[in-house]
């Protein structure tokens, strides 16, 4: 049980750390483009991009699950 807890904790912390790094990476790119982009978009840009990417990932997973059910690959679902 402890192994699975540590594995879960590692996955959650990895996703959290990657999310923070991703946010600052996107923010730095937008700051570099600041002469061409309005200031408000610089602050909101990373959040919008992350939300859009989450929606896209959820859509892809739902599509894969639906295709797996149609083809009766229940191990994937």
C-alpha atoms as a PDB file:
ATOM      1  CA  UNK A   1       0.000   0.000   0.000  1.00  0.00           C
ATOM      2  CA  UNK A   2       2.837   2.378   0.810  1.00  0.00           C
ATOM      3  CA  UNK A   3       4.353   1.734  -2.621  1.00  0.00           C
ATOM      4  CA  UNK A   4       1.169   2.818  -4.386  1.00  0.00           C
ATOM      5  CA  UNK A   5       0.822   5.860  -2.137  1.00  0.00           C
ATOM      6  CA  UNK A   6       4.395   6.929  -2.930  1.00  0.00           C
ATOM      7  CA  UNK A   7       3.823   6.303  -6.639  1.00  0.00           C
ATOM      8  CA  UNK A   8       0.651   8.422  -6.565  1.00  0.00           C
ATOM      9  CA  UNK A   9       2.399  11.157  -4.591  1.00  0.00           C
ATOM     10  CA  UNK A  10       5.278  11.181  -7.090  1.00  0.00           C
ATOM     11  CA  UNK A  11       2.880  11.513 -10.031  1.00  0.00           C
ATOM     12  CA  UNK A  12       0.901  14.340  -8.407  1.00  0.00           C
ATOM     13  CA  UNK A  13       4.007  16.262  -7.412  1.00  0.00           C
ATOM     14  CA  UNK A  14       5.518  15.786 -10.872  1.00  0.00           C
ATOM     15  CA  UNK A  15       2.405  17.173 -12.541  1.00  0.00           C
ATOM     16  CA  UNK A  16       2.352  20.094 -10.095  1.00  0.00           C
ATOM     17  CA  UNK A  17       6.039  20.925 -10.645  1.00  0.00           C
ATOM     18  CA  UNK A  18       5.727  20.626 -14.419  1.00  0.00           C
ATOM     19  CA  UNK A  19       2.677  22.892 -14.313  1.00  0.00           C
ATOM     20  CA  UNK A  20       4.579  25.602 -12.441  1.00  0.00           C
ATOM     21  CA  UNK A  21       7.570  25.361 -14.772  1.00  0.00           C
ATOM     22  CA  UNK A  22       5.264  25.378 -17.792  1.00  0.00           C
ATOM     23  CA  UNK A  23       3.475  28.490 -16.514  1.00  0.00           C
ATOM     24  CA  UNK A  24       6.727  30.438 -16.082  1.00  0.00           C
ATOM     25  CA  UNK A  25       8.103  29.205 -19.407  1.00  0.00           C
ATOM     26  CA  UNK A  26       5.010  30.413 -21.265  1.00  0.00           C
ATOM     27  CA  UNK A  27       5.091  33.686 -19.296  1.00  0.00           C
ATOM     28  CA  UNK A  28       8.732  34.310 -20.248  1.00  0.00           C
ATOM     29  CA  UNK A  29       7.955  33.719 -23.926  1.00  0.00           C
ATOM     30  CA  UNK A  30       5.085  36.184 -23.743  1.00  0.00           C
ATOM     31  CA  UNK A  31       7.258  38.742 -21.942  1.00  0.00           C
ATOM     32  CA  UNK A  32       9.802  38.429 -24.744  1.00  0.00           C
ATOM     33  CA  UNK A  33       6.987  39.250 -27.171  1.00  0.00           C
ATOM     34  CA  UNK A  34       5.783  42.192 -25.052  1.00  0.00           C
ATOM     35  CA  UNK A  35       6.409  44.890 -27.696  1.00  0.00           C
ATOM     36  CA  UNK A  36       3.886  43.145 -29.941  1.00  0.00           C
ATOM     37  CA  UNK A  37       1.302  41.977 -27.384  1.00  0.00           C
ATOM     38  CA  UNK A  38      -0.881  44.090 -25.056  1.00  0.00           C
ATOM     39  CA  UNK A  39       0.105  43.952 -21.377  1.00  0.00           C
ATOM     40  CA  UNK A  40      -3.127  42.328 -20.194  1.00  0.00           C
ATOM     41  CA  UNK A  41      -2.563  39.341 -22.477  1.00  0.00           C
ATOM     42  CA  UNK A  42       0.883  38.864 -20.937  1.00  0.00           C
ATOM     43  CA  UNK A  43      -0.735  38.229 -17.563  1.00  0.00           C
ATOM     44  CA  UNK A  44      -3.650  36.139 -18.800  1.00  0.00           C
ATOM     45  CA  UNK A  45      -1.881  34.314 -21.647  1.00  0.00           C
ATOM     46  CA  UNK A  46      -0.287  31.441 -19.690  1.00  0.00           C
ATOM     47  CA  UNK A  47      -3.500  30.696 -17.816  1.00  0.00           C
ATOM     48  CA  UNK A  48      -5.549  30.658 -21.028  1.00  0.00           C
ATOM     49  CA  UNK A  49      -3.023  28.412 -22.790  1.00  0.00           C
ATOM     50  CA  UNK A  50      -2.957  25.959 -19.884  1.00  0.00           C
ATOM     51  CA  UNK A  51      -6.779  25.826 -19.735  1.00  0.00           C
ATOM     52  CA  UNK A  52      -6.975  25.227 -23.488  1.00  0.00           C
ATOM     53  CA  UNK A  53      -4.377  22.458 -23.271  1.00  0.00           C
ATOM     54  CA  UNK A  54      -6.292  20.765 -20.424  1.00  0.00           C
ATOM     55  CA  UNK A  55      -9.500  20.881 -22.475  1.00  0.00           C
ATOM     56  CA  UNK A  56      -7.701  19.402 -25.486  1.00  0.00           C
ATOM     57  CA  UNK A  57      -6.161  16.596 -23.406  1.00  0.00           C
ATOM     58  CA  UNK A  58      -9.540  15.739 -21.851  1.00  0.00           C
ATOM     59  CA  UNK A  59     -11.133  15.677 -25.296  1.00  0.00           C
ATOM     60  CA  UNK A  60      -8.460  13.345 -26.635  1.00  0.00           C
ATOM     61  CA  UNK A  61      -8.835  10.950 -23.703  1.00  0.00           C
ATOM     62  CA  UNK A  62     -12.627  10.902 -24.054  1.00  0.00           C
ATOM     63  CA  UNK A  63     -12.263  10.210 -27.783  1.00  0.00           C
ATOM     64  CA  UNK A  64      -9.861   7.333 -27.099  1.00  0.00           C
ATOM     65  CA  UNK A  65     -12.198   5.880 -24.465  1.00  0.00           C
ATOM     66  CA  UNK A  66     -15.189   6.124 -26.815  1.00  0.00           C
ATOM     67  CA  UNK A  67     -13.275   4.405 -29.616  1.00  0.00           C
ATOM     68  CA  UNK A  68     -12.113   1.710 -27.190  1.00  0.00           C
ATOM     69  CA  UNK A  69     -15.710   1.021 -26.123  1.00  0.00           C
ATOM     70  CA  UNK A  70     -16.862   0.866 -29.736  1.00  0.00           C
ATOM     71  CA  UNK A  71     -14.131  -1.627 -30.592  1.00  0.00           C
ATOM     72  CA  UNK A  72     -14.708  -3.527 -27.339  1.00  0.00           C
ATOM     73  CA  UNK A  73     -11.197  -2.940 -26.018  1.00  0.00           C
ATOM     74  CA  UNK A  74     -12.445  -2.778 -22.450  1.00  0.00           C
ATOM     75  CA  UNK A  75      -8.963  -3.102 -20.950  1.00  0.00           C
ATOM     76  CA  UNK A  76      -8.196   0.485 -22.048  1.00  0.00           C
ATOM     77  CA  UNK A  77     -11.434   1.896 -20.640  1.00  0.00           C
END
